[in-house]
C-alpha cells in the first residue's frame, strides 16, 4: 500500500531520492538512445542530463551511507502517494522528440517539487543542504528542458525537421497512399462492370460501396499485421492499419458516390471526373512526398487506372 509522504522518515526520504535520481537518469538514457539516430543533438543533451542525474545519485548515496549505513531500503515513486504515474513512452520506437522534451519538463518539475517538500520535512542540516543544492540544480534542469528546442543549432533543427518529415512519410503518407491507390484503382473494375452490366445507378452504388468497405477492412488488417514497426520504424501498427483502411475505403467510395444520382449517364460522367481527380491526387502525393517526378508519377498512375477502368467496362458490357 502506498504511503503518505508526510509519514516518511529522513532515512526513507533519502532512499526515495536515490531511487528517483536513478530512474530519471535511466529514462534520460533511454531518451538519448531512442533519439540518437534521427536527432543526435538532442540525444547528446539527454546523455548529459543522464550523467548529471548519476552524479546526484552518487551524492545522495554518500550522504545516506555516512548517516545511515550501507543498506538502502527499497522505496520507489509508486510506493509513495502524490507522484504522477509515468507512461513508459521511453520504450516506444520510433520515439517522438516532442514527447521526449515534454516528458523531460514534467520530470524535472516533479523532482524539484519533491526536493522542496523534502527540505521542509528533514531536520538534519547536512541533508537539508544537499536537498537544497539538488533542488537548485533541478530548477536549472527544468529551465533547460523547457528551452531544449532553443538550444539546438539551426543546422540541427534542420536535420530534425528532415527526420520528422521522413517519419511522417514512413508512418502516415506511405500507408495512406497505398490505401488510396488500392481503393481508387482496384474498385474501378467492379464498380464500372456493375454499372455497364445493369445500367442501374443503384446497383453500381451498392457494388461500389461493398467493394470499398470490404477493401478498406482487408487493407487495414493486412497493414496492421504486416509488422509491429519495432524494426522498420514504421510506427504503431494500429495507426498504420487505420490510415490504410480509411484511405482505401475513401478511394473507392469517391467514384461510387456519383451513382447515388438516378440518371445513369449523369452518374457515369460524374464518376469518370472523380476518377480523374483521384488519379491526379495520387500522382501529386507521389510527387510531393515520394520525390517521384510528376510526369512519371502521372503516367504510372494513369496507365494503371485506365487499364483497370477499361477492364471493368469491357467485362460489364460483355
Protein backbone atom coordinates (compact mmCIF):
# COMPACT_ATOMS: atom_id res chain seq x y z
CA UNK A 1 0.00 0.00 0.00
CA UNK A 2 1.34 3.45 -0.95
CA UNK A 3 2.44 5.63 1.95
CA UNK A 4 1.87 9.30 2.62
CA UNK A 5 4.90 11.47 2.05
CA UNK A 6 4.50 13.14 5.43
CA UNK A 7 4.97 9.77 7.14
CA UNK A 8 8.41 9.14 5.65
CA UNK A 9 11.49 9.31 7.86
CA UNK A 10 14.69 11.12 6.85
CA UNK A 11 16.21 7.76 6.01
CA UNK A 12 13.29 6.90 3.74
CA UNK A 13 13.32 10.33 2.10
CA UNK A 14 16.96 9.88 1.15
CA UNK A 15 16.26 6.36 -0.09
CA UNK A 16 13.40 7.70 -2.22
CA UNK A 17 15.60 10.49 -3.59
CA UNK A 18 18.22 7.94 -4.62
CA UNK A 19 15.55 5.88 -6.39
CA UNK A 20 14.15 8.94 -8.19
CA UNK A 21 17.55 10.09 -9.43
CA UNK A 22 18.35 6.59 -10.68
CA UNK A 23 15.03 6.30 -12.50
CA UNK A 24 15.32 9.75 -14.07
CA UNK A 25 18.85 9.03 -15.23
CA UNK A 26 17.80 5.79 -16.87
CA UNK A 27 14.82 7.47 -18.55
CA UNK A 28 17.08 10.18 -19.98
CA UNK A 29 19.50 7.50 -21.19
CA UNK A 30 16.59 5.75 -22.92
CA UNK A 31 15.51 9.05 -24.47
CA UNK A 32 19.04 9.55 -25.78
CA UNK A 33 19.13 6.02 -27.17
CA UNK A 34 15.76 6.42 -28.89
CA UNK A 35 16.67 9.78 -30.47
CA UNK A 36 20.31 9.21 -31.34
CA UNK A 37 19.83 8.10 -34.93
CA UNK A 38 17.40 10.81 -36.03
CA UNK A 39 18.16 13.63 -33.54
CA UNK A 40 21.80 13.36 -32.44
CA UNK A 41 21.99 16.87 -30.95
CA UNK A 42 19.00 16.34 -28.67
CA UNK A 43 20.29 12.87 -27.80
CA UNK A 44 23.54 14.47 -26.63
CA UNK A 45 21.59 16.79 -24.32
CA UNK A 46 19.78 13.83 -22.79
CA UNK A 47 23.10 11.99 -22.39
CA UNK A 48 24.45 14.95 -20.42
CA UNK A 49 21.31 15.05 -18.24
CA UNK A 50 21.62 11.31 -17.56
CA UNK A 51 25.22 11.79 -16.43
CA UNK A 52 24.19 14.63 -14.11
CA UNK A 53 21.43 12.51 -12.59
CA UNK A 54 24.01 9.80 -11.95
CA UNK A 55 26.14 12.36 -10.11
CA UNK A 56 23.16 13.41 -8.00
CA UNK A 57 22.54 9.79 -7.07
CA UNK A 58 26.17 9.38 -6.04
CA UNK A 59 25.98 12.45 -3.79
CA UNK A 60 22.77 11.23 -2.18
CA UNK A 61 24.20 7.76 -1.69
CA UNK A 62 27.32 9.11 0.00
CA UNK A 63 25.23 11.22 2.36
CA UNK A 64 22.97 8.26 3.10
CA UNK A 65 25.90 5.92 3.79
CA UNK A 66 27.51 8.43 6.13
CA UNK A 67 24.28 8.99 8.02
CA UNK A 68 22.51 5.60 7.93
CA UNK A 69 24.92 2.91 6.74
CA UNK A 70 25.15 0.69 3.67
CA UNK A 71 21.63 -0.76 3.41
CA UNK A 72 19.18 1.34 1.40
CA UNK A 73 15.51 0.33 1.76
CA UNK A 74 13.64 -0.22 -1.48
CA UNK A 75 11.34 2.79 -1.82
CA UNK A 76 10.09 3.78 -5.26
CA UNK A 77 7.91 6.58 -6.57
CA UNK A 78 4.92 4.24 -6.91
CA UNK A 79 5.27 3.40 -3.20
CA UNK A 80 4.51 6.99 -2.16
CA UNK A 81 1.27 8.90 -2.73
CA UNK A 82 1.37 12.08 -4.76
CA UNK A 83 3.63 11.09 -7.64
CA UNK A 84 2.24 11.16 -11.17
CA UNK A 85 2.25 7.79 -12.90
CA UNK A 86 4.51 7.88 -15.95
CA UNK A 87 3.52 6.19 -19.18
CA UNK A 88 6.65 4.31 -20.37
CA UNK A 89 6.92 6.28 -23.59
CA UNK A 90 10.72 5.91 -23.48
CA UNK A 91 10.18 2.31 -24.65
CA UNK A 92 8.39 3.47 -27.81
CA UNK A 93 10.24 3.22 -31.10
CA UNK A 94 10.46 5.40 -33.04
CA UNK A 95 10.50 7.92 -30.19
CA UNK A 96 8.90 11.28 -30.89
CA UNK A 97 11.18 14.17 -30.00
CA UNK A 98 8.34 16.45 -28.89
CA UNK A 99 7.08 13.78 -26.47
CA UNK A 100 10.56 13.28 -25.01
CA UNK A 101 11.07 17.01 -24.44
CA UNK A 102 7.65 17.42 -22.83
CA UNK A 103 8.26 14.44 -20.56
CA UNK A 104 11.64 15.87 -19.51
CA UNK A 105 9.95 19.13 -18.46
CA UNK A 106 7.41 17.25 -16.33
CA UNK A 107 10.09 15.04 -14.76
CA UNK A 108 12.25 17.97 -13.72
CA UNK A 109 9.25 19.87 -12.34
CA UNK A 110 8.13 16.88 -10.28
CA UNK A 111 11.62 16.17 -8.93
CA UNK A 112 12.10 19.82 -8.00
CA UNK A 113 8.83 19.84 -6.06
CA UNK A 114 9.91 16.65 -4.30
CA UNK A 115 13.10 18.30 -3.06
CA UNK A 116 11.21 21.40 -1.95
CA UNK A 117 8.81 19.28 0.07
CA UNK A 118 11.58 17.05 1.41
CA UNK A 119 13.56 20.04 2.72
CA UNK A 120 10.63 21.06 4.88
CA UNK A 121 10.41 17.59 6.40
CA UNK A 122 14.01 16.79 7.34
CA UNK A 123 15.80 18.26 10.34
CA UNK A 124 19.43 17.26 9.70
CA UNK A 125 21.32 20.36 8.48
CA UNK A 126 23.61 18.39 6.16
CA UNK A 127 20.72 16.60 4.48
CA UNK A 128 18.77 19.84 4.14
CA UNK A 129 21.76 21.49 2.44
CA UNK A 130 22.17 18.61 -0.01
CA UNK A 131 18.47 18.60 -0.83
CA UNK A 132 18.54 22.36 -1.31
CA UNK A 133 21.51 22.12 -3.68
CA UNK A 134 19.78 19.43 -5.69
CA UNK A 135 16.57 21.44 -5.81
CA UNK A 136 18.51 24.33 -7.33
CA UNK A 137 20.07 22.01 -9.91
CA UNK A 138 16.64 20.61 -10.77
CA UNK A 139 15.34 24.15 -11.20
CA UNK A 140 18.08 24.77 -13.76
CA UNK A 141 17.27 21.45 -15.40
CA UNK A 142 13.63 22.45 -15.64
CA UNK A 143 14.56 25.69 -17.37
CA UNK A 144 16.92 23.78 -19.67
CA UNK A 145 14.23 21.24 -20.51
CA UNK A 146 11.72 23.99 -21.29
CA UNK A 147 14.28 25.71 -23.53
CA UNK A 148 15.61 22.49 -25.05
CA UNK A 149 14.35 23.30 -28.51
CA UNK A 150 16.08 26.70 -28.39
CA UNK A 151 19.42 25.08 -27.50
CA UNK A 152 19.53 23.24 -30.82
CA UNK A 153 21.61 24.90 -33.56
CA UNK A 154 19.92 25.88 -36.85
CA UNK A 155 21.71 23.03 -38.62
CA UNK A 156 20.49 20.56 -36.02
CA UNK A 157 16.95 21.94 -36.24
CA UNK A 158 17.03 21.48 -39.99
CA UNK A 159 18.23 17.90 -39.56
CA UNK A 160 15.43 17.27 -37.06
CA UNK A 161 12.83 18.69 -39.44
CA UNK A 162 14.13 16.41 -42.19
CA UNK A 163 13.96 13.43 -39.83
CA UNK A 164 10.42 14.33 -38.72
CA UNK A 165 9.33 14.62 -42.34
CA UNK A 166 10.87 11.24 -43.07
CA UNK A 167 8.97 9.66 -40.17
CA UNK A 168 5.74 11.34 -41.28
CA UNK A 169 6.17 9.93 -44.77
CA UNK A 170 7.06 6.49 -43.44
CA UNK A 171 4.28 6.23 -40.85
CA UNK A 172 1.42 8.21 -42.42
CA UNK A 173 1.93 9.06 -46.08
CA UNK A 174 3.12 5.66 -47.30
CA UNK A 175 0.32 3.58 -45.74
CA UNK A 176 -2.23 6.24 -46.67
CA UNK A 177 -1.00 6.37 -50.25
CA UNK A 178 -1.02 2.58 -50.52
CA UNK A 179 -4.62 2.56 -49.32
CA UNK A 180 -5.71 5.38 -51.62
CA UNK A 181 -4.12 3.71 -54.65
CA UNK A 182 -5.66 0.35 -53.83
CA UNK A 183 -9.09 1.81 -53.12
CA UNK A 184 -9.13 4.11 -56.15
CA UNK A 185 -7.80 1.62 -58.69
CA UNK A 186 -8.91 -1.83 -57.52
CA UNK A 187 -12.57 -0.83 -57.13
CA UNK A 188 -12.80 0.68 -60.61
CA UNK A 189 -13.39 -2.68 -62.29
CA UNK A 190 -16.25 -3.93 -60.07
CA UNK A 191 -17.99 -0.53 -59.95
CA UNK A 192 -17.98 0.10 -63.69
CA UNK A 193 -18.55 -3.54 -64.55
CA UNK A 194 -21.71 -3.47 -62.42
CA UNK A 195 -22.72 -0.14 -63.92
CA UNK A 196 -22.48 -1.31 -67.55
CA UNK A 197 -23.87 -4.76 -66.82
CA UNK A 198 -27.02 -3.45 -65.14
CA UNK A 199 -27.31 0.11 -66.44
CA UNK A 200 -28.56 0.85 -62.93
CA UNK A 201 -27.07 3.57 -60.74
CA UNK A 202 -28.41 1.87 -57.62
CA UNK A 203 -26.77 -1.47 -58.42
CA UNK A 204 -23.46 0.21 -59.24
CA UNK A 205 -23.61 2.14 -55.96
CA UNK A 206 -24.29 -1.00 -53.89
CA UNK A 207 -21.43 -2.89 -55.55
CA UNK A 208 -19.06 0.05 -55.17
CA UNK A 209 -19.97 0.61 -51.53
CA UNK A 210 -19.49 -3.07 -50.69
CA UNK A 211 -16.18 -3.23 -52.59
CA UNK A 212 -14.87 -0.07 -50.94
CA UNK A 213 -15.73 -1.02 -47.37
CA UNK A 214 -14.58 -4.61 -47.88
CA UNK A 215 -11.28 -3.47 -49.36
CA UNK A 216 -10.81 -0.96 -46.53
CA UNK A 217 -11.25 -3.62 -43.86
CA UNK A 218 -8.99 -6.05 -45.68
CA UNK A 219 -6.21 -3.49 -46.20
CA UNK A 220 -6.46 -2.27 -42.60
CA UNK A 221 -5.85 -5.76 -41.22
CA UNK A 222 -3.15 -6.52 -43.77
CA UNK A 223 -1.21 -3.36 -42.90
CA UNK A 224 -1.66 -3.68 -39.13
CA UNK A 225 -0.47 -7.28 -39.17
CA UNK A 226 2.42 -6.73 -41.59
CA UNK A 227 4.88 -5.73 -38.83
CA UNK A 228 4.87 -4.09 -35.41
CA UNK A 229 7.13 -1.22 -36.50
CA UNK A 230 9.83 -2.01 -33.95
CA UNK A 231 12.48 -2.80 -36.55
CA UNK A 232 11.24 -0.84 -39.57
CA UNK A 233 10.44 2.42 -37.78
CA UNK A 234 7.00 2.44 -39.42
CA UNK A 235 5.25 3.32 -36.17
CA UNK A 236 2.31 1.79 -34.36
CA UNK A 237 0.57 -0.93 -36.38
CA UNK A 238 -2.92 0.11 -35.28
CA UNK A 239 -2.37 3.65 -36.57
CA UNK A 240 -0.95 2.44 -39.88
CA UNK A 241 -3.81 -0.01 -40.29
CA UNK A 242 -6.41 2.67 -39.56
CA UNK A 243 -4.83 5.12 -42.02
CA UNK A 244 -4.56 2.49 -44.74
CA UNK A 245 -8.09 1.19 -44.22
CA UNK A 246 -9.71 4.61 -44.18
CA UNK A 247 -7.85 5.79 -47.28
CA UNK A 248 -8.68 2.56 -49.10
CA UNK A 249 -12.38 2.98 -48.35
CA UNK A 250 -12.24 6.68 -49.26
CA UNK A 251 -10.55 5.91 -52.58
CA UNK A 252 -13.32 3.52 -53.56
CA UNK A 253 -16.26 5.49 -52.21
CA UNK A 254 -15.13 8.62 -54.06
CA UNK A 255 -16.15 7.36 -57.50
CA UNK A 256 -19.05 5.34 -56.04
CA UNK A 257 -20.98 8.30 -54.62
CA UNK A 258 -21.95 9.73 -58.05
CA UNK A 259 -24.10 6.63 -58.60
CA UNK A 260 -26.47 7.99 -56.00
CA UNK A 261 -27.78 10.03 -58.95
CA UNK A 262 -30.79 8.37 -60.50
CA UNK A 263 -29.76 9.37 -64.02
CA UNK A 264 -27.28 6.71 -65.11
CA UNK A 265 -25.47 8.81 -67.73
CA UNK A 266 -25.05 11.76 -65.36
CA UNK A 267 -23.79 9.45 -62.64
CA UNK A 268 -21.32 7.78 -65.01
CA UNK A 269 -19.99 11.14 -66.23
CA UNK A 270 -19.52 12.41 -62.67
CA UNK A 271 -17.81 9.16 -61.67
CA UNK A 272 -15.34 9.47 -64.56
CA UNK A 273 -14.49 13.04 -63.49
CA UNK A 274 -13.92 11.93 -59.90
CA UNK A 275 -11.70 9.05 -61.08
CA UNK A 276 -9.57 11.57 -62.97
CA UNK A 277 -9.31 13.74 -59.84
CA UNK A 278 -8.38 10.70 -57.71
CA UNK A 279 -5.61 9.67 -60.08
CA UNK A 280 -4.32 13.25 -60.23
CA UNK A 281 -4.29 13.42 -56.41
CA UNK A 282 -2.31 10.17 -56.20
CA UNK A 283 0.22 11.48 -58.72
CA UNK A 284 0.57 14.73 -56.76
CA UNK A 285 1.12 12.92 -53.46
CA UNK A 286 3.78 10.70 -55.03
CA UNK A 287 5.49 13.78 -56.41
CA UNK A 288 5.17 15.79 -53.18
CA UNK A 289 6.20 13.19 -50.63
CA UNK A 290 7.85 10.32 -52.51
CA UNK A 291 10.05 12.53 -54.73
CA UNK A 292 8.68 10.89 -57.87
CA UNK A 293 8.82 13.20 -60.94
CA UNK A 294 5.33 14.50 -61.61
CA UNK A 295 5.12 13.32 -65.23
CA UNK A 296 6.45 9.90 -64.29
CA UNK A 297 4.02 9.60 -61.37
CA UNK A 298 1.09 10.73 -63.52
CA UNK A 299 1.99 8.30 -66.31
CA UNK A 300 2.30 5.33 -63.95
CA UNK A 301 -0.94 6.07 -62.14
CA UNK A 302 -2.97 6.94 -65.24
CA UNK A 303 -1.84 3.85 -67.17
CA UNK A 304 -2.79 1.55 -64.30
CA UNK A 305 -6.08 3.30 -63.65
CA UNK A 306 -7.10 3.40 -67.30
CA UNK A 307 -6.33 -0.30 -67.77
CA UNK A 308 -8.49 -1.27 -64.79
CA UNK A 309 -11.21 1.14 -65.96
CA UNK A 310 -11.26 -0.42 -69.43
CA UNK A 311 -11.33 -3.93 -67.99
CA UNK A 312 -14.34 -3.03 -65.86
CA UNK A 313 -16.27 -1.56 -68.81
CA UNK A 314 -15.32 -4.49 -71.05
CA UNK A 315 -16.47 -7.11 -68.55
CA UNK A 316 -19.65 -5.20 -67.77
CA UNK A 317 -20.51 -4.79 -71.44
CA UNK A 318 -19.83 -8.38 -72.42
